[in-house]
Amino acid sequence: MTHPHLPVAQPDLGGNELAYVSQAIQEGWISSTGRFLTRFEADFARFCGTRHALACANGTVAIHLLLLGLGIGPGDEVIVPAFTYVASANAVTYTGARPVLVDSEPVTWNIDANKVEAAITPRTKAIMAVHLYGHPAPMTALLDIGRRHGILVIEDAAEAHGAKVEGKTVGGLGLAATFSFYGNKILTTGEGGMVTTNDDELAARMRQFRGQGMDPERRYWFPIVGYNYRMTNLAAALGCAQLERAGGLIAHRLRIARGYHDRLAPHADRLGLQLASEAPWASSVHWLSCIRVPAAKRDSLMAFLAEHQIETRPFFPPMHRLPMYSDPSFRQGRPLPVAEELGDTGINLPTYTALGEADLDRICQAVIAGLAR
């Protein structure tokens, strides 16, 4: 019997997505102006509990836009976790500033707040808290460090729509936050991003940078060099439909994470398998369900699963293993053992709303069989 292919991710477009996109086309508003853009920004600001939400072209652009709005540039440093998606560090590099890589802690895999303070220098302008794989970073500790040193704390929440820290939704915890709406994210617009903040002046600066630098009071006058970082009304139409179902989409992620845990936890010790943990102060949204296995077995297990038509992804490689960030100065000469171990041992399993209980049975049986070989 041939089993159907199970992808690692798949968008859920089963709500009003088609109807809203069709409306945008019928009304003729297909570029960066339209009622769906206005609505999406307002609805997402409410979702995060912030005064402002600025829609933009993608999640990487969102980070760059925020850094531009903060005035970060050459000579500055931004503390970034070594274990994150490359966009977190790249956006810092775009500005001419320098990412400083800090190790993760081994329980939630997020940046280790205990190691952040040692990385601060007179050039440090911001700490980027990445909410990895849907689990929030230790914001309380990071905000305390930021206050004591006069350093901004910003959130990269690309993977964590709706996650919470002590009951408060990410996106409104630091000075500002960025989100991605790529096709594999919990909420998607195909491609897209968002910046949220309660800072009125910062929001105004970012709006100007987003729209080619045009003066907000004088149309087609450009007093600064800006960027075309805008989202389309078509993408925002998708976003409005997705946001209507955010609670259900997140609930499916939690169902899938519980399903993996219930099926795999009884075999964990025997097979050397580790499952994702959740801190007591956190509410993870489990963007991608994750496991860790012995490094010597990781790639062979992924190949075994692929033979059984189950797609997986390796964890992100630590930034300092990439050519452009391999110079020891990016990590201030410090070792990053946790990030390296995570990069060597982690696997993302299929995680999407259409994944049924029989699919979870099949995946977990294959994981167990692959590790037992």
Protein backbone atom coordinates (compact mmCIF):
# COMPACT_ATOMS: atom_id res chain seq x y z
CA MET A 1 0.00 0.00 0.00
CA THR A 2 1.35 3.40 -0.98
CA HIS A 3 0.75 6.11 1.61
CA PRO A 4 0.09 9.71 0.58
CA HIS A 5 2.90 12.21 0.97
CA LEU A 6 2.74 14.19 4.20
CA PRO A 7 4.38 17.62 3.81
CA VAL A 8 6.05 19.36 6.73
CA ALA A 9 3.69 22.33 6.34
CA GLN A 10 0.57 23.25 4.42
CA PRO A 11 -1.61 26.38 4.59
CA ASP A 12 -5.21 26.22 5.77
CA LEU A 13 -7.24 28.42 3.41
CA GLY A 14 -10.64 27.04 4.31
CA GLY A 15 -12.33 30.22 5.52
CA ASN A 16 -13.14 33.48 3.73
CA GLU A 17 -9.79 33.69 1.93
CA LEU A 18 -11.13 33.14 -1.59
CA ALA A 19 -14.15 35.40 -1.02
CA TYR A 20 -12.04 38.29 0.32
CA VAL A 21 -9.39 38.03 -2.40
CA SER A 22 -12.15 37.96 -5.00
CA GLN A 23 -13.68 41.08 -3.46
CA ALA A 24 -10.34 42.89 -3.63
CA ILE A 25 -9.98 41.97 -7.30
CA GLN A 26 -13.56 42.96 -8.12
CA GLU A 27 -13.10 46.31 -6.38
CA GLY A 28 -9.86 46.94 -8.27
CA TRP A 29 -7.69 47.46 -5.20
CA ILE A 30 -4.89 44.98 -5.76
CA SER A 31 -1.77 46.95 -4.79
CA SER A 32 -0.76 48.65 -1.53
CA THR A 33 -4.01 50.52 -0.85
CA GLY A 34 -7.42 49.14 0.03
CA ARG A 35 -9.91 48.39 2.75
CA PHE A 36 -8.46 44.96 3.53
CA LEU A 37 -5.09 46.52 4.36
CA THR A 38 -6.72 49.01 6.71
CA ARG A 39 -8.76 46.27 8.34
CA PHE A 40 -5.88 43.80 8.63
CA GLU A 41 -3.65 46.31 10.37
CA ALA A 42 -6.41 47.33 12.80
CA ASP A 43 -7.41 43.73 13.53
CA PHE A 44 -3.83 42.59 14.05
CA ALA A 45 -3.11 45.49 16.40
CA ARG A 46 -6.08 44.36 18.49
CA PHE A 47 -4.85 40.75 18.33
CA CYS A 48 -1.50 41.82 19.85
CA GLY A 49 -2.90 44.53 22.13
CA THR A 50 -0.94 47.37 20.50
CA ARG A 51 -1.85 50.79 19.12
CA HIS A 52 -0.09 50.27 15.81
CA ALA A 53 0.40 47.46 13.31
CA LEU A 54 2.21 48.15 10.02
CA ALA A 55 1.73 45.58 7.27
CA CYS A 56 4.69 44.98 4.99
CA ALA A 57 6.01 42.70 2.28
CA ASN A 58 7.48 39.88 4.39
CA GLY A 59 8.91 39.05 7.78
CA THR A 60 12.52 39.92 6.92
CA VAL A 61 11.42 43.31 5.65
CA ALA A 62 9.50 43.78 8.91
CA ILE A 63 12.69 43.37 10.96
CA HIS A 64 14.66 45.67 8.67
CA LEU A 65 11.90 48.28 8.80
CA LEU A 66 11.87 48.19 12.60
CA LEU A 67 15.65 48.54 12.83
CA LEU A 68 15.54 51.48 10.40
CA GLY A 69 12.83 53.13 12.49
CA LEU A 70 15.01 52.73 15.58
CA GLY A 71 17.93 54.42 13.83
CA ILE A 72 20.19 51.38 14.13
CA GLY A 73 23.10 51.47 11.69
CA PRO A 74 26.87 51.30 11.22
CA GLY A 75 28.82 51.04 14.45
CA ASP A 76 25.87 49.58 16.38
CA GLU A 77 25.38 46.06 17.70
CA VAL A 78 22.20 44.03 18.12
CA ILE A 79 22.19 40.93 20.33
CA VAL A 80 20.60 38.02 18.45
CA PRO A 81 20.28 34.34 19.38
CA ALA A 82 22.75 32.14 17.53
CA PHE A 83 19.98 29.57 17.09
CA THR A 84 17.37 31.26 14.91
CA TYR A 85 16.37 31.63 11.28
CA VAL A 86 18.96 33.54 9.28
CA ALA A 87 16.64 36.51 8.63
CA SER A 88 17.03 37.65 12.25
CA ALA A 89 20.76 38.25 11.76
CA ASN A 90 20.57 39.28 8.10
CA ALA A 91 18.20 42.16 8.79
CA VAL A 92 20.71 43.56 11.29
CA THR A 93 23.46 43.25 8.69
CA TYR A 94 21.36 45.15 6.11
CA THR A 95 21.50 48.25 8.31
CA GLY A 96 25.29 48.19 8.56
CA ALA A 97 25.06 47.18 12.22
CA ARG A 98 26.54 43.96 13.55
CA PRO A 99 24.65 40.98 15.01
CA VAL A 100 26.19 39.64 18.20
CA LEU A 101 25.36 35.96 18.61
CA VAL A 102 24.37 34.58 22.02
CA ASP A 103 23.79 30.96 22.95
CA SER A 104 20.40 29.37 23.73
CA GLU A 105 19.21 27.65 26.87
CA PRO A 106 18.52 23.92 26.55
CA VAL A 107 14.91 23.71 27.77
CA THR A 108 12.92 26.05 25.50
CA TRP A 109 15.79 26.55 22.98
CA ASN A 110 15.38 30.33 23.09
CA ILE A 111 18.09 32.88 23.82
CA ASP A 112 19.71 32.36 27.23
CA ALA A 113 18.98 35.50 29.26
CA ASN A 114 21.80 34.59 31.64
CA LYS A 115 24.29 34.95 28.79
CA VAL A 116 22.88 38.15 27.29
CA GLU A 117 24.34 40.51 29.87
CA ALA A 118 27.90 39.37 29.21
CA ALA A 119 27.45 40.18 25.50
CA ILE A 120 26.51 43.84 26.10
CA THR A 121 29.07 46.43 25.01
CA PRO A 122 28.92 50.24 24.67
CA ARG A 123 27.80 49.65 21.07
CA THR A 124 24.79 47.49 21.97
CA LYS A 125 21.58 49.21 20.87
CA ALA A 126 19.01 46.40 21.05
CA ILE A 127 18.31 42.85 22.17
CA MET A 128 16.29 40.79 19.70
CA ALA A 129 14.09 38.25 21.46
CA VAL A 130 13.19 35.53 18.95
CA HIS A 131 10.16 33.42 19.90
CA LEU A 132 11.48 30.19 18.44
CA TYR A 133 9.19 27.55 16.91
CA GLY A 134 6.21 29.15 18.65
CA HIS A 135 7.62 29.23 22.19
CA PRO A 136 8.15 32.75 23.58
CA ALA A 137 11.55 33.97 24.66
CA PRO A 138 12.17 34.84 28.35
CA MET A 139 10.80 38.36 28.00
CA THR A 140 10.59 39.22 31.70
CA ALA A 141 14.31 38.63 32.18
CA LEU A 142 15.25 40.30 28.89
CA LEU A 143 13.15 43.39 29.60
CA ASP A 144 14.78 43.67 33.02
CA ILE A 145 18.23 43.53 31.41
CA GLY A 146 17.18 46.13 28.88
CA ARG A 147 15.89 48.51 31.57
CA ARG A 148 19.02 48.19 33.67
CA HIS A 149 21.34 48.89 30.73
CA GLY A 150 19.20 51.34 28.77
CA ILE A 151 18.94 48.94 25.82
CA LEU A 152 15.88 48.40 23.63
CA VAL A 153 14.22 44.97 23.58
CA ILE A 154 12.45 43.99 20.37
CA GLU A 155 10.58 40.80 19.49
CA ASP A 156 10.98 38.61 16.42
CA ALA A 157 7.62 36.84 16.62
CA ALA A 158 7.65 35.44 13.06
CA GLU A 159 6.88 31.94 14.36
CA ALA A 160 4.70 32.77 17.35
CA HIS A 161 1.37 34.41 16.44
CA GLY A 162 -0.73 34.28 19.60
CA ALA A 163 1.92 32.92 21.98
CA LYS A 164 1.84 34.34 25.50
CA VAL A 165 4.19 35.25 28.33
CA GLU A 166 2.48 35.21 31.72
CA GLY A 167 -0.85 35.60 29.95
CA LYS A 168 0.23 38.53 27.76
CA THR A 169 0.30 38.09 23.98
CA VAL A 170 3.62 38.45 22.19
CA GLY A 171 3.84 41.44 19.92
CA GLY A 172 3.22 43.98 22.63
CA LEU A 173 5.81 42.98 25.22
CA GLY A 174 8.90 44.84 24.02
CA LEU A 175 9.20 48.22 22.35
CA ALA A 176 8.09 46.65 19.08
CA ALA A 177 7.70 43.26 17.42
CA THR A 178 7.85 41.77 13.96
CA PHE A 179 5.84 38.95 12.40
CA SER A 180 5.95 36.82 9.26
CA PHE A 181 2.98 35.54 7.27
CA TYR A 182 4.85 33.19 4.97
CA GLY A 183 2.88 30.22 3.64
CA ASN A 184 4.00 27.83 6.38
CA LYS A 185 3.24 30.15 9.30
CA ILE A 186 0.27 29.82 11.68
CA LEU A 187 -1.34 32.80 9.95
CA THR A 188 -0.42 33.33 6.32
CA THR A 189 -0.81 35.89 3.56
CA GLY A 190 1.41 33.91 1.17
CA GLU A 191 4.21 36.38 1.71
CA GLY A 192 3.85 39.18 4.22
CA GLY A 193 4.95 40.69 7.49
CA MET A 194 3.86 43.06 10.25
CA VAL A 195 5.45 45.36 12.80
CA THR A 196 3.55 46.11 16.01
CA THR A 197 4.28 48.84 18.55
CA ASN A 198 2.73 51.24 21.03
CA ASP A 199 5.26 53.96 20.16
CA ASP A 200 3.56 56.62 18.03
CA GLU A 201 6.76 58.26 16.81
CA LEU A 202 8.37 54.96 15.89
CA ALA A 203 5.25 53.95 13.97
CA ALA A 204 5.32 57.23 12.02
CA ARG A 205 9.00 56.79 11.09
CA MET A 206 8.42 53.22 9.93
CA ARG A 207 5.42 54.24 7.80
CA GLN A 208 7.60 56.79 6.04
CA PHE A 209 10.42 54.31 5.43
CA ARG A 210 7.89 51.71 4.22
CA GLY A 211 6.46 54.04 1.56
CA GLN A 212 9.63 55.09 -0.29
CA GLY A 213 10.27 57.86 2.26
CA MET A 214 7.33 59.99 1.12
CA ASP A 215 6.42 62.93 3.35
CA PRO A 216 3.14 62.11 5.13
CA GLU A 217 1.92 65.71 4.64
CA ARG A 218 3.12 66.30 1.07
CA ARG A 219 2.35 63.68 -1.55
CA TYR A 220 5.18 62.64 -3.84
CA TRP A 221 7.77 64.59 -1.88
CA PHE A 222 10.55 62.34 -0.59
CA PRO A 223 12.79 63.96 2.05
CA ILE A 224 14.50 60.68 3.01
CA VAL A 225 15.65 57.53 1.25
CA GLY A 226 12.93 54.97 1.85
CA TYR A 227 11.96 51.53 0.65
CA ASN A 228 9.00 49.91 -1.08
CA TYR A 229 8.18 47.56 1.77
CA ARG A 230 4.41 47.63 1.48
CA MET A 231 1.95 44.72 1.59
CA THR A 232 -0.66 44.34 -1.14
CA ASN A 233 -4.39 44.55 -0.51
CA LEU A 234 -4.66 41.03 -1.96
CA ALA A 235 -2.30 39.67 0.68
CA ALA A 236 -4.14 41.61 3.39
CA ALA A 237 -7.41 40.05 2.22
CA LEU A 238 -5.91 36.65 2.98
CA GLY A 239 -4.70 37.98 6.33
CA CYS A 240 -8.16 39.21 7.33
CA ALA A 241 -9.65 35.78 6.63
CA GLN A 242 -6.83 34.04 8.52
CA LEU A 243 -7.16 36.29 11.54
CA GLU A 244 -10.88 35.53 11.78
CA ARG A 245 -9.90 31.91 12.46
CA ALA A 246 -6.76 32.51 14.53
CA GLY A 247 -8.12 30.74 17.60
CA GLY A 248 -8.97 27.62 15.65
CA LEU A 249 -5.72 27.58 13.73
CA ILE A 250 -3.74 27.80 16.97
CA ALA A 251 -5.93 25.12 18.58
CA HIS A 252 -5.00 22.72 15.77
CA ARG A 253 -1.29 23.38 16.43
CA LEU A 254 -1.81 22.53 20.10
CA ARG A 255 -3.79 19.37 19.19
CA ILE A 256 -0.97 18.19 16.94
CA ALA A 257 1.73 18.92 19.53
CA ARG A 258 -0.24 16.96 22.16
CA GLY A 259 -0.73 14.14 19.67
CA TYR A 260 2.99 13.82 19.06
CA HIS A 261 3.74 14.02 22.77
CA ASP A 262 1.20 11.38 23.77
CA ARG A 263 2.45 8.96 21.13
CA LEU A 264 6.20 9.51 21.47
CA ALA A 265 6.77 10.29 25.17
CA PRO A 266 6.40 6.64 26.31
CA HIS A 267 9.31 5.71 24.00
CA ALA A 268 11.53 8.72 24.67
CA ASP A 269 13.99 7.25 27.16
CA ARG A 270 14.43 3.99 25.27
CA LEU A 271 15.09 5.71 21.96
CA GLY A 272 17.05 8.75 23.17
CA LEU A 273 14.24 11.00 21.99
CA GLN A 274 13.56 14.47 23.41
CA LEU A 275 10.30 16.37 22.97
CA ALA A 276 9.74 20.11 23.13
CA SER A 277 9.23 21.58 26.61
CA GLU A 278 7.09 24.50 27.68
CA ALA A 279 8.19 26.90 30.41
CA PRO A 280 5.65 27.40 33.23
CA TRP A 281 5.32 31.10 32.36
CA ALA A 282 4.77 30.46 28.67
CA SER A 283 1.95 29.49 26.34
CA SER A 284 3.55 28.11 23.18
CA VAL A 285 1.63 27.97 19.91
CA HIS A 286 3.82 25.16 18.50
CA TRP A 287 4.37 26.61 15.03
CA LEU A 288 6.25 23.44 14.13
CA SER A 289 6.25 20.35 16.33
CA CYS A 290 9.80 19.38 17.16
CA ILE A 291 11.80 16.43 18.38
CA ARG A 292 15.48 15.96 19.15
CA VAL A 293 17.32 12.71 18.55
CA PRO A 294 20.96 11.61 18.88
CA ALA A 295 23.04 13.57 16.37
CA ALA A 296 24.40 10.35 14.83
CA LYS A 297 20.83 9.28 13.97
CA ARG A 298 19.25 12.58 12.92
CA ASP A 299 19.97 12.54 9.18
CA SER A 300 19.35 8.83 8.77
CA LEU A 301 16.00 9.18 10.55
CA MET A 302 14.98 12.02 8.25
CA ALA A 303 15.96 9.88 5.24
CA PHE A 304 13.95 6.95 6.64
CA LEU A 305 10.90 9.17 7.08
CA ALA A 306 11.32 10.52 3.54
CA GLU A 307 11.29 6.91 2.25
CA HIS A 308 7.92 6.60 3.99
CA GLN A 309 6.62 9.77 2.29
CA ILE A 310 6.94 11.89 5.44
CA GLU A 311 8.63 15.24 4.91
CA THR A 312 10.65 16.75 7.77
CA ARG A 313 13.04 19.65 8.26
CA PRO A 314 16.30 19.84 10.19
CA PHE A 315 16.55 22.51 12.86
CA PHE A 316 18.08 25.81 11.81
CA PRO A 317 21.87 25.70 11.65
CA PRO A 318 23.46 27.99 14.23
CA MET A 319 24.33 31.35 12.70
CA HIS A 320 28.05 31.00 13.42
CA ARG A 321 28.22 27.94 11.18
CA LEU A 322 27.12 30.01 8.18
CA PRO A 323 29.96 31.52 6.13
CA MET A 324 29.03 35.18 6.62
CA TYR A 325 28.82 34.87 10.43
CA SER A 326 31.61 32.35 10.99
CA ASP A 327 34.20 34.86 12.19
CA PRO A 328 34.58 34.36 15.97
CA SER A 329 34.07 38.09 16.51
CA PHE A 330 30.33 37.67 15.82
CA ARG A 331 30.13 35.56 18.97
CA GLN A 332 32.76 37.58 20.82
CA GLY A 333 34.98 34.50 20.77
CA ARG A 334 32.60 32.59 23.02
CA PRO A 335 31.58 28.95 22.41
CA LEU A 336 27.92 28.29 21.58
CA PRO A 337 27.48 24.64 22.60
CA VAL A 338 23.71 24.61 23.05
CA ALA A 339 23.03 26.19 19.66
CA GLU A 340 25.38 23.66 18.06
CA GLU A 341 23.72 20.71 19.77
CA LEU A 342 20.27 21.93 18.78
CA GLY A 343 21.36 22.39 15.19
CA ASP A 344 22.77 18.84 15.10
CA THR A 345 19.90 16.99 16.78
CA GLY A 346 16.60 18.71 15.94
CA ILE A 347 13.86 17.70 13.51
CA ASN A 348 10.64 19.54 12.64
CA LEU A 349 7.77 17.13 12.05
CA PRO A 350 4.70 17.75 9.84
CA THR A 351 2.51 20.39 11.47
CA TYR A 352 -0.62 21.71 9.74
CA THR A 353 -4.33 21.79 10.46
CA ALA A 354 -5.36 19.05 8.01
CA LEU A 355 -3.11 16.51 9.76
CA GLY A 356 -5.43 13.86 11.20
CA GLU A 357 -5.09 11.34 14.00
CA ALA A 358 -4.30 8.54 11.55
CA ASP A 359 -1.54 10.71 10.07
CA LEU A 360 -0.08 11.28 13.52
CA ASP A 361 -0.19 7.53 14.17
CA ARG A 362 1.66 6.89 10.93
CA ILE A 363 4.33 9.54 11.55
CA CYS A 364 5.00 8.47 15.12
CA GLN A 365 5.15 4.80 14.21
CA ALA A 366 7.71 5.66 11.56
CA VAL A 367 9.76 7.77 13.99
CA ILE A 368 9.83 4.92 16.50
CA ALA A 369 10.73 2.36 13.85
CA GLY A 370 13.42 4.58 12.39
CA LEU A 371 15.10 5.18 15.73
CA ALA A 372 14.84 1.51 16.75
CA ARG A 373 16.76 0.29 13.72
